[in-house]
Amino acid sequence: MPCRLQSETASEPCVSINTASAGNLERLPGVGSQIAQRIIEHRKRYGRFRRVEHLMMVRGISERRFNELRSFIKVD
């Protein structure tokens, strides 16, 4: 399923939560600078996310927020 970022009208590839910069993560719906930084810190501390569901281990990513993000993210 193609991804579309919140401010985009054309389909965009999903954002990889394993390689995306803070700026790219902030383009995701409901992700601000603090959560983007927590995602990056989690990657540095624990390594790559193996499944998109593992994003819920990051403080500030609830199940509800994850469900809003799911169609916009991927792991590679």
Protein backbone atom coordinates (compact mmCIF):
# COMPACT_ATOMS: atom_id res chain seq x y z
CA MET A 1 0.00 0.00 0.00
CA PRO A 2 1.55 3.35 -0.98
CA CYS A 3 2.22 5.88 1.74
CA ARG A 4 1.27 9.49 1.72
CA LEU A 5 2.77 11.97 4.13
CA GLN A 6 0.42 14.40 5.82
CA SER A 7 1.38 17.46 3.79
CA GLU A 8 1.87 15.66 0.48
CA THR A 9 -0.66 15.14 -2.25
CA ALA A 10 1.29 12.60 -4.26
CA SER A 11 2.11 9.16 -2.93
CA GLU A 12 5.47 8.96 -1.23
CA PRO A 13 7.43 5.92 -0.18
CA CYS A 14 6.94 4.95 3.43
CA VAL A 15 9.36 6.47 5.93
CA SER A 16 11.85 3.96 7.27
CA ILE A 17 11.94 4.26 11.04
CA ASN A 18 15.42 2.70 10.92
CA THR A 19 17.07 5.28 8.70
CA ALA A 20 14.91 8.42 8.69
CA SER A 21 16.35 11.69 9.93
CA ALA A 22 14.60 13.69 12.63
CA GLY A 23 13.22 16.00 9.92
CA ASN A 24 11.70 13.11 7.99
CA LEU A 25 10.21 11.61 11.14
CA GLU A 26 8.64 14.97 12.03
CA ARG A 27 6.70 14.88 8.74
CA LEU A 28 4.74 11.92 10.08
CA PRO A 29 1.31 12.73 11.56
CA GLY A 30 1.52 13.33 15.31
CA VAL A 31 5.32 13.18 15.48
CA GLY A 32 7.03 16.30 16.72
CA SER A 33 10.66 17.03 17.44
CA GLN A 34 10.66 15.33 20.86
CA ILE A 35 9.20 12.06 19.64
CA ALA A 36 11.44 12.10 16.56
CA GLN A 37 14.46 12.49 18.85
CA ARG A 38 13.24 9.63 21.07
CA ILE A 39 12.94 7.37 18.01
CA ILE A 40 16.50 8.18 16.98
CA GLU A 41 17.79 7.69 20.54
CA HIS A 42 16.01 4.33 20.71
CA ARG A 43 17.71 3.24 17.46
CA LYS A 44 21.12 4.28 18.78
CA ARG A 45 20.64 2.53 22.10
CA TYR A 46 18.91 -0.70 21.05
CA GLY A 47 19.64 -1.01 17.33
CA ARG A 48 17.30 -1.27 14.40
CA PHE A 49 13.58 -1.86 14.72
CA ARG A 50 12.78 -5.35 13.44
CA ARG A 51 9.05 -4.75 13.03
CA VAL A 52 7.03 -1.55 12.76
CA GLU A 53 5.11 -2.59 15.90
CA HIS A 54 8.32 -2.19 17.91
CA LEU A 55 7.90 1.55 17.52
CA MET A 56 5.46 1.33 20.44
CA MET A 57 8.46 0.71 22.72
CA VAL A 58 9.39 4.38 22.25
CA ARG A 59 8.02 6.60 25.01
CA GLY A 60 5.20 8.73 23.57
CA ILE A 61 4.10 6.21 20.93
CA SER A 62 0.86 4.73 22.22
CA GLU A 63 -1.08 2.04 20.42
CA ARG A 64 -3.48 4.71 19.17
CA ARG A 65 -0.65 6.87 17.80
CA PHE A 66 1.03 3.81 16.28
CA ASN A 67 -2.19 2.90 14.46
CA GLU A 68 -2.27 6.43 12.99
CA LEU A 69 1.35 6.04 11.82
CA ARG A 70 1.26 2.44 10.62
CA SER A 71 0.45 3.18 6.97
CA PHE A 72 3.24 5.78 6.77
CA ILE A 73 6.16 3.76 8.16
CA LYS A 74 8.26 0.74 7.32
CA VAL A 75 11.38 -1.04 8.50
CA ASP A 76 14.10 -2.00 6.04
